[in-house]
Amino acid sequence: MTSTTPTSHPTQQAMPEVISLLAAGRLLGMGRTKAYRLARAGQFPCRVLRIGGQYAVPVRGLWALLDHTHPDGRQARLASKEG
């Protein structure tokens, strides 16, 4: 008997809302030291959140910076910086 449960494509699976500063920096072509230095100075090229003792980068802002389209076809929108 075959299953009728639809299988999801890897790009359709739930994607994280935030990624680590290190991962975001690597996507932008920078190393760990530079990414953390820019984040501490408030000069990272996209929005960075400070959660406890860790940094997190919203994926939506990173996609907008890279001019990337979401796997479901939506164009990423740049989140406005509050401050």
PDB file of N, CA and C in Angstrom:
ATOM      1  N   MET A   1       0.843  -1.174   0.000  1.00  0.00           N
ATOM      2  CA  MET A   1       0.000   0.000   0.000  1.00  0.00           C
ATOM      3  C   MET A   1       0.890   1.240   0.000  1.00  0.00           C
ATOM      4  N   THR A   2       0.546   2.235  -0.791  1.00  0.00           N
ATOM      5  CA  THR A   2       1.345   3.452  -0.842  1.00  0.00           C
ATOM      6  C   THR A   2       0.778   4.514   0.077  1.00  0.00           C
ATOM      7  N   SER A   3       1.643   5.343   0.541  1.00  0.00           N
ATOM      8  CA  SER A   3       1.241   6.414   1.442  1.00  0.00           C
ATOM      9  C   SER A   3       0.649   7.570   0.646  1.00  0.00           C
ATOM     10  N   THR A   4      -0.392   8.169   1.176  1.00  0.00           N
ATOM     11  CA  THR A   4      -0.980   9.339   0.531  1.00  0.00           C
ATOM     12  C   THR A   4      -0.561  10.627   1.228  1.00  0.00           C
ATOM     13  N   THR A   5       0.309  10.485   2.195  1.00  0.00           N
ATOM     14  CA  THR A   5       0.801  11.663   2.901  1.00  0.00           C
ATOM     15  C   THR A   5       1.744  12.431   1.991  1.00  0.00           C
ATOM     16  N   PRO A   6       1.457  13.717   1.773  1.00  0.00           N
ATOM     17  CA  PRO A   6       2.354  14.477   0.891  1.00  0.00           C
ATOM     18  C   PRO A   6       3.716  14.665   1.542  1.00  0.00           C
ATOM     19  N   THR A   7       4.731  14.534   0.738  1.00  0.00           N
ATOM     20  CA  THR A   7       6.077  14.776   1.250  1.00  0.00           C
ATOM     21  C   THR A   7       6.452  16.207   0.926  1.00  0.00           C
ATOM     22  N   SER A   8       7.120  16.842   1.846  1.00  0.00           N
ATOM     23  CA  SER A   8       7.489  18.235   1.610  1.00  0.00           C
ATOM     24  C   SER A   8       8.877  18.306   1.003  1.00  0.00           C
ATOM     25  N   HIS A   9       9.039  19.229   0.124  1.00  0.00           N
ATOM     26  CA  HIS A   9      10.321  19.498  -0.497  1.00  0.00           C
ATOM     27  C   HIS A   9      11.183  20.214   0.540  1.00  0.00           C
ATOM     28  N   PRO A  10      12.499  19.987   0.557  1.00  0.00           N
ATOM     29  CA  PRO A  10      13.344  20.634   1.565  1.00  0.00           C
ATOM     30  C   PRO A  10      13.194  22.149   1.631  1.00  0.00           C
ATOM     31  N   THR A  11      12.925  22.805   0.511  1.00  0.00           N
ATOM     32  CA  THR A  11      12.778  24.258   0.550  1.00  0.00           C
ATOM     33  C   THR A  11      11.433  24.685   1.093  1.00  0.00           C
ATOM     34  N   GLN A  12      10.490  23.743   1.237  1.00  0.00           N
ATOM     35  CA  GLN A  12       9.172  24.070   1.762  1.00  0.00           C
ATOM     36  C   GLN A  12       9.086  23.814   3.261  1.00  0.00           C
ATOM     37  N   GLN A  13      10.102  23.243   3.842  1.00  0.00           N
ATOM     38  CA  GLN A  13      10.089  22.991   5.268  1.00  0.00           C
ATOM     39  C   GLN A  13      10.239  24.312   6.012  1.00  0.00           C
ATOM     40  N   ALA A  14       9.834  24.296   7.267  1.00  0.00           N
ATOM     41  CA  ALA A  14       9.924  25.511   8.071  1.00  0.00           C
ATOM     42  C   ALA A  14      11.363  25.993   8.128  1.00  0.00           C
ATOM     43  N   MET A  15      11.557  27.238   7.765  1.00  0.00           N
ATOM     44  CA  MET A  15      12.886  27.830   7.793  1.00  0.00           C
ATOM     45  C   MET A  15      13.000  28.666   9.062  1.00  0.00           C
ATOM     46  N   PRO A  16      14.199  28.780   9.623  1.00  0.00           N
ATOM     47  CA  PRO A  16      14.339  29.544  10.861  1.00  0.00           C
ATOM     48  C   PRO A  16      14.091  31.027  10.616  1.00  0.00           C
ATOM     49  N   GLU A  17      13.581  31.693  11.627  1.00  0.00           N
ATOM     50  CA  GLU A  17      13.350  33.137  11.548  1.00  0.00           C
ATOM     51  C   GLU A  17      14.647  33.904  11.770  1.00  0.00           C
ATOM     52  N   VAL A  18      15.561  33.324  12.547  1.00  0.00           N
ATOM     53  CA  VAL A  18      16.849  33.957  12.812  1.00  0.00           C
ATOM     54  C   VAL A  18      17.965  32.931  12.660  1.00  0.00           C
ATOM     55  N   ILE A  19      19.158  33.424  12.344  1.00  0.00           N
ATOM     56  CA  ILE A  19      20.334  32.568  12.308  1.00  0.00           C
ATOM     57  C   ILE A  19      21.423  33.230  13.131  1.00  0.00           C
ATOM     58  N   SER A  20      22.462  32.500  13.404  1.00  0.00           N
ATOM     59  CA  SER A  20      23.549  33.033  14.218  1.00  0.00           C
ATOM     60  C   SER A  20      24.290  34.134  13.462  1.00  0.00           C
ATOM     61  N   LEU A  21      24.931  34.995  14.211  1.00  0.00           N
ATOM     62  CA  LEU A  21      25.729  36.055  13.621  1.00  0.00           C
ATOM     63  C   LEU A  21      26.858  35.463  12.790  1.00  0.00           C
ATOM     64  N   LEU A  22      27.450  34.386  13.270  1.00  0.00           N
ATOM     65  CA  LEU A  22      28.532  33.735  12.539  1.00  0.00           C
ATOM     66  C   LEU A  22      28.048  33.229  11.180  1.00  0.00           C
ATOM     67  N   ALA A  23      26.878  32.578  11.144  1.00  0.00           N
ATOM     68  CA  ALA A  23      26.328  32.074   9.873  1.00  0.00           C
ATOM     69  C   ALA A  23      26.001  33.225   8.927  1.00  0.00           C
ATOM     70  N   ALA A  24      25.427  34.302   9.449  1.00  0.00           N
ATOM     71  CA  ALA A  24      25.106  35.460   8.611  1.00  0.00           C
ATOM     72  C   ALA A  24      26.384  36.090   8.061  1.00  0.00           C
ATOM     73  N   GLY A  25      27.385  36.209   8.906  1.00  0.00           N
ATOM     74  CA  GLY A  25      28.655  36.764   8.463  1.00  0.00           C
ATOM     75  C   GLY A  25      29.284  35.938   7.359  1.00  0.00           C
ATOM     76  N   ARG A  26      29.221  34.635   7.501  1.00  0.00           N
ATOM     77  CA  ARG A  26      29.787  33.753   6.474  1.00  0.00           C
ATOM     78  C   ARG A  26      29.046  33.910   5.151  1.00  0.00           C
ATOM     79  N   LEU A  27      27.711  34.062   5.205  1.00  0.00           N
ATOM     80  CA  LEU A  27      26.942  34.279   3.978  1.00  0.00           C
ATOM     81  C   LEU A  27      27.335  35.589   3.303  1.00  0.00           C
ATOM     82  N   LEU A  28      27.794  36.541   4.099  1.00  0.00           N
ATOM     83  CA  LEU A  28      28.202  37.840   3.568  1.00  0.00           C
ATOM     84  C   LEU A  28      29.695  37.895   3.264  1.00  0.00           C
ATOM     85  N   GLY A  29      30.389  36.773   3.457  1.00  0.00           N
ATOM     86  CA  GLY A  29      31.800  36.700   3.103  1.00  0.00           C
ATOM     87  C   GLY A  29      32.754  37.267   4.135  1.00  0.00           C
ATOM     88  N   MET A  30      32.332  37.281   5.387  1.00  0.00           N
ATOM     89  CA  MET A  30      33.234  37.792   6.426  1.00  0.00           C
ATOM     90  C   MET A  30      33.480  36.724   7.477  1.00  0.00           C
ATOM     91  N   GLY A  31      34.564  36.853   8.162  1.00  0.00           N
ATOM     92  CA  GLY A  31      34.914  35.912   9.211  1.00  0.00           C
ATOM     93  C   GLY A  31      34.288  36.275  10.541  1.00  0.00           C
ATOM     94  N   ARG A  32      34.521  35.425  11.518  1.00  0.00           N
ATOM     95  CA  ARG A  32      33.954  35.570  12.850  1.00  0.00           C
ATOM     96  C   ARG A  32      34.331  36.892  13.508  1.00  0.00           C
ATOM     97  N   THR A  33      35.620  37.232  13.491  1.00  0.00           N
ATOM     98  CA  THR A  33      36.089  38.435  14.171  1.00  0.00           C
ATOM     99  C   THR A  33      35.434  39.688  13.603  1.00  0.00           C
ATOM    100  N   LYS A  34      35.399  39.791  12.286  1.00  0.00           N
ATOM    101  CA  LYS A  34      34.805  40.969  11.653  1.00  0.00           C
ATOM    102  C   LYS A  34      33.311  41.042  11.931  1.00  0.00           C
ATOM    103  N   ALA A  35      32.608  39.920  11.851  1.00  0.00           N
ATOM    104  CA  ALA A  35      31.167  39.908  12.093  1.00  0.00           C
ATOM    105  C   ALA A  35      30.851  40.395  13.504  1.00  0.00           C
ATOM    106  N   TYR A  36      31.571  39.890  14.491  1.00  0.00           N
ATOM    107  CA  TYR A  36      31.322  40.306  15.873  1.00  0.00           C
ATOM    108  C   TYR A  36      31.737  41.753  16.105  1.00  0.00           C
ATOM    109  N   ARG A  37      32.818  42.183  15.484  1.00  0.00           N
ATOM    110  CA  ARG A  37      33.263  43.582  15.639  1.00  0.00           C
ATOM    111  C   ARG A  37      32.209  44.533  15.069  1.00  0.00           C
ATOM    112  N   LEU A  38      31.698  44.225  13.888  1.00  0.00           N
ATOM    113  CA  LEU A  38      30.666  45.064  13.281  1.00  0.00           C
ATOM    114  C   LEU A  38      29.377  45.058  14.094  1.00  0.00           C
ATOM    115  N   ALA A  39      28.990  43.897  14.610  1.00  0.00           N
ATOM    116  CA  ALA A  39      27.771  43.807  15.415  1.00  0.00           C
ATOM    117  C   ALA A  39      27.899  44.635  16.692  1.00  0.00           C
ATOM    118  N   ARG A  40      29.036  44.528  17.372  1.00  0.00           N
ATOM    119  CA  ARG A  40      29.257  45.313  18.602  1.00  0.00           C
ATOM    120  C   ARG A  40      29.216  46.812  18.326  1.00  0.00           C
ATOM    121  N   ALA A  41      29.712  47.213  17.162  1.00  0.00           N
ATOM    122  CA  ALA A  41      29.757  48.630  16.799  1.00  0.00           C
ATOM    123  C   ALA A  41      28.434  49.117  16.201  1.00  0.00           C
ATOM    124  N   GLY A  42      27.470  48.208  16.014  1.00  0.00           N
ATOM    125  CA  GLY A  42      26.198  48.582  15.402  1.00  0.00           C
ATOM    126  C   GLY A  42      26.322  48.845  13.912  1.00  0.00           C
ATOM    127  N   GLN A  43      27.325  48.252  13.276  1.00  0.00           N
ATOM    128  CA  GLN A  43      27.586  48.502  11.864  1.00  0.00           C
ATOM    129  C   GLN A  43      27.436  47.257  10.981  1.00  0.00           C
ATOM    130  N   PHE A  44      26.855  46.182  11.510  1.00  0.00           N
ATOM    131  CA  PHE A  44      26.619  44.997  10.687  1.00  0.00           C
ATOM    132  C   PHE A  44      25.662  45.399   9.574  1.00  0.00           C
ATOM    133  N   PRO A  45      25.820  44.893   8.351  1.00  0.00           N
ATOM    134  CA  PRO A  45      25.037  45.374   7.211  1.00  0.00           C
ATOM    135  C   PRO A  45      23.528  45.128   7.268  1.00  0.00           C
ATOM    136  N   CYS A  46      23.063  44.319   8.214  1.00  0.00           N
ATOM    137  CA  CYS A  46      21.617  44.149   8.377  1.00  0.00           C
ATOM    138  C   CYS A  46      21.310  44.101   9.871  1.00  0.00           C
ATOM    139  N   ARG A  47      20.050  44.039  10.203  1.00  0.00           N
ATOM    140  CA  ARG A  47      19.610  44.082  11.593  1.00  0.00           C
ATOM    141  C   ARG A  47      20.183  42.903  12.392  1.00  0.00           C
ATOM    142  N   VAL A  48      20.653  43.205  13.588  1.00  0.00           N
ATOM    143  CA  VAL A  48      21.188  42.188  14.495  1.00  0.00           C
ATOM    144  C   VAL A  48      20.458  42.320  15.825  1.00  0.00           C
ATOM    145  N   LEU A  49      19.991  41.205  16.349  1.00  0.00           N
ATOM    146  CA  LEU A  49      19.319  41.184  17.648  1.00  0.00           C
ATOM    147  C   LEU A  49      20.284  40.684  18.703  1.00  0.00           C
ATOM    148  N   ARG A  50      20.223  41.252  19.878  1.00  0.00           N
ATOM    149  CA  ARG A  50      21.027  40.769  21.004  1.00  0.00           C
ATOM    150  C   ARG A  50      20.051  40.050  21.927  1.00  0.00           C
ATOM    151  N   ILE A  51      20.219  38.747  22.059  1.00  0.00           N
ATOM    152  CA  ILE A  51      19.330  37.940  22.893  1.00  0.00           C
ATOM    153  C   ILE A  51      20.182  37.304  23.974  1.00  0.00           C
ATOM    154  N   GLY A  52      20.052  37.816  25.184  1.00  0.00           N
ATOM    155  CA  GLY A  52      20.927  37.358  26.260  1.00  0.00           C
ATOM    156  C   GLY A  52      22.350  37.703  25.908  1.00  0.00           C
ATOM    157  N   GLY A  53      23.218  36.731  25.910  1.00  0.00           N
ATOM    158  CA  GLY A  53      24.615  36.949  25.563  1.00  0.00           C
ATOM    159  C   GLY A  53      24.937  36.590  24.129  1.00  0.00           C
ATOM    160  N   GLN A  54      23.913  36.378  23.315  1.00  0.00           N
ATOM    161  CA  GLN A  54      24.155  35.941  21.942  1.00  0.00           C
ATOM    162  C   GLN A  54      23.548  36.912  20.937  1.00  0.00           C
ATOM    163  N   TYR A  55      24.097  36.897  19.731  1.00  0.00           N
ATOM    164  CA  TYR A  55      23.562  37.689  18.633  1.00  0.00           C
ATOM    165  C   TYR A  55      22.759  36.775  17.717  1.00  0.00           C
ATOM    166  N   ALA A  56      21.692  37.328  17.144  1.00  0.00           N
ATOM    167  CA  ALA A  56      20.890  36.597  16.166  1.00  0.00           C
ATOM    168  C   ALA A  56      20.554  37.556  15.031  1.00  0.00           C
ATOM    169  N   VAL A  57      20.523  37.049  13.821  1.00  0.00           N
ATOM    170  CA  VAL A  57      20.235  37.877  12.649  1.00  0.00           C
ATOM    171  C   VAL A  57      18.930  37.379  12.023  1.00  0.00           C
ATOM    172  N   PRO A  58      17.920  38.254  11.916  1.00  0.00           N
ATOM    173  CA  PRO A  58      16.677  37.858  11.250  1.00  0.00           C
ATOM    174  C   PRO A  58      16.938  37.498   9.784  1.00  0.00           C
ATOM    175  N   VAL A  59      16.465  36.338   9.385  1.00  0.00           N
ATOM    176  CA  VAL A  59      16.708  35.830   8.036  1.00  0.00           C
ATOM    177  C   VAL A  59      16.069  36.739   6.990  1.00  0.00           C
ATOM    178  N   ARG A  60      14.917  37.280   7.286  1.00  0.00           N
ATOM    179  CA  ARG A  60      14.210  38.132   6.323  1.00  0.00           C
ATOM    180  C   ARG A  60      15.063  39.338   5.918  1.00  0.00           C
ATOM    181  N   GLY A  61      15.699  39.996   6.879  1.00  0.00           N
ATOM    182  CA  GLY A  61      16.557  41.137   6.579  1.00  0.00           C
ATOM    183  C   GLY A  61      17.793  40.736   5.792  1.00  0.00           C
ATOM    184  N   LEU A  62      18.316  39.563   6.109  1.00  0.00           N
ATOM    185  CA  LEU A  62      19.485  39.060   5.388  1.00  0.00           C
ATOM    186  C   LEU A  62      19.117  38.753   3.939  1.00  0.00           C
ATOM    187  N   TRP A  63      17.944  38.144   3.719  1.00  0.00           N
ATOM    188  CA  TRP A  63      17.478  37.871   2.357  1.00  0.00           C
ATOM    189  C   TRP A  63      17.326  39.170   1.578  1.00  0.00           C
ATOM    190  N   ALA A  64      16.749  40.180   2.225  1.00  0.00           N
ATOM    191  CA  ALA A  64      16.553  41.466   1.554  1.00  0.00           C
ATOM    192  C   ALA A  64      17.904  42.066   1.168  1.00  0.00           C
ATOM    193  N   LEU A  65      18.867  41.970   2.062  1.00  0.00           N
ATOM    194  CA  LEU A  65      20.201  42.494   1.777  1.00  0.00           C
ATOM    195  C   LEU A  65      20.820  41.774   0.583  1.00  0.00           C
ATOM    196  N   LEU A  66      20.610  40.476   0.510  1.00  0.00           N
ATOM    197  CA  LEU A  66      21.157  39.680  -0.580  1.00  0.00           C
ATOM    198  C   LEU A  66      20.250  39.657  -1.809  1.00  0.00           C
ATOM    199  N   ASP A  67      19.113  40.373  -1.734  1.00  0.00           N
ATOM    200  CA  ASP A  67      18.145  40.431  -2.823  1.00  0.00           C
ATOM    201  C   ASP A  67      17.709  39.030  -3.228  1.00  0.00           C
ATOM    202  N   HIS A  68      17.306  38.257  -2.232  1.00  0.00           N
ATOM    203  CA  HIS A  68      16.942  36.856  -2.404  1.00  0.00           C
ATOM    204  C   HIS A  68      15.428  36.706  -2.365  1.00  0.00           C
ATOM    205  N   THR A  69      14.921  35.706  -3.047  1.00  0.00           N
ATOM    206  CA  THR A  69      13.501  35.399  -3.032  1.00  0.00           C
ATOM    207  C   THR A  69      13.255  34.176  -2.162  1.00  0.00           C
ATOM    208  N   HIS A  70      12.229  34.239  -1.340  1.00  0.00           N
ATOM    209  CA  HIS A  70      11.843  33.128  -0.466  1.00  0.00           C
ATOM    210  C   HIS A  70      11.482  31.921  -1.331  1.00  0.00           C
ATOM    211  N   PRO A  71      11.754  30.703  -0.864  1.00  0.00           N
ATOM    212  CA  PRO A  71      11.465  29.502  -1.662  1.00  0.00           C
ATOM    213  C   PRO A  71      10.014  29.386  -2.120  1.00  0.00           C
ATOM    214  N   ASP A  72       9.059  30.002  -1.400  1.00  0.00           N
ATOM    215  CA  ASP A  72       7.666  29.904  -1.841  1.00  0.00           C
ATOM    216  C   ASP A  72       7.304  30.995  -2.856  1.00  0.00           C
ATOM    217  N   GLY A  73       8.306  31.762  -3.297  1.00  0.00           N
ATOM    218  CA  GLY A  73       8.082  32.744  -4.341  1.00  0.00           C
ATOM    219  C   GLY A  73       7.920  34.169  -3.856  1.00  0.00           C
ATOM    220  N   ARG A  74       7.771  34.372  -2.540  1.00  0.00           N
ATOM    221  CA  ARG A  74       7.609  35.729  -2.022  1.00  0.00           C
ATOM    222  C   ARG A  74       8.938  36.467  -2.052  1.00  0.00           C
ATOM    223  N   GLN A  75       8.908  37.711  -2.376  1.00  0.00           N
ATOM    224  CA  GLN A  75      10.112  38.541  -2.338  1.00  0.00           C
ATOM    225  C   GLN A  75      10.342  38.961  -0.888  1.00  0.00           C
ATOM    226  N   ALA A  76      11.556  38.822  -0.431  1.00  0.00           N
ATOM    227  CA  ALA A  76      11.880  39.221   0.934  1.00  0.00           C
ATOM    228  C   ALA A  76      11.761  40.729   1.053  1.00  0.00           C
ATOM    229  N   ARG A  77      11.305  41.186   2.220  1.00  0.00           N
ATOM    230  CA  ARG A  77      11.179  42.620   2.456  1.00  0.00           C
ATOM    231  C   ARG A  77      12.117  43.008   3.573  1.00  0.00           C
ATOM    232  N   LEU A  78      12.745  44.132   3.416  1.00  0.00           N
ATOM    233  CA  LEU A  78      13.685  44.621   4.406  1.00  0.00           C
ATOM    234  C   LEU A  78      12.916  45.138   5.608  1.00  0.00           C
ATOM    235  N   ALA A  79      13.219  44.590   6.767  1.00  0.00           N
ATOM    236  CA  ALA A  79      12.588  45.053   7.995  1.00  0.00           C
ATOM    237  C   ALA A  79      13.204  46.394   8.377  1.00  0.00           C
ATOM    238  N   SER A  80      12.363  47.322   8.770  1.00  0.00           N
ATOM    239  CA  SER A  80      12.894  48.634   9.134  1.00  0.00           C
ATOM    240  C   SER A  80      13.588  48.554  10.480  1.00  0.00           C
ATOM    241  N   LYS A  81      14.665  49.311  10.597  1.00  0.00           N
ATOM    242  CA  LYS A  81      15.403  49.364  11.855  1.00  0.00           C
ATOM    243  C   LYS A  81      14.728  50.357  12.771  1.00  0.00           C
ATOM    244  N   GLU A  82      14.518  49.952  13.996  1.00  0.00           N
ATOM    245  CA  GLU A  82      13.983  50.870  14.987  1.00  0.00           C
ATOM    246  C   GLU A  82      15.141  51.349  15.824  1.00  0.00           C
ATOM    247  N   GLY A  83      15.126  52.557  16.166  1.00  0.00           N
ATOM    248  CA  GLY A  83      16.226  52.966  17.016  1.00  0.00           C
ATOM    249  C   GLY A  83      16.360  54.373  17.046  1.00  0.00           C
TER     250      GLY A  83
END
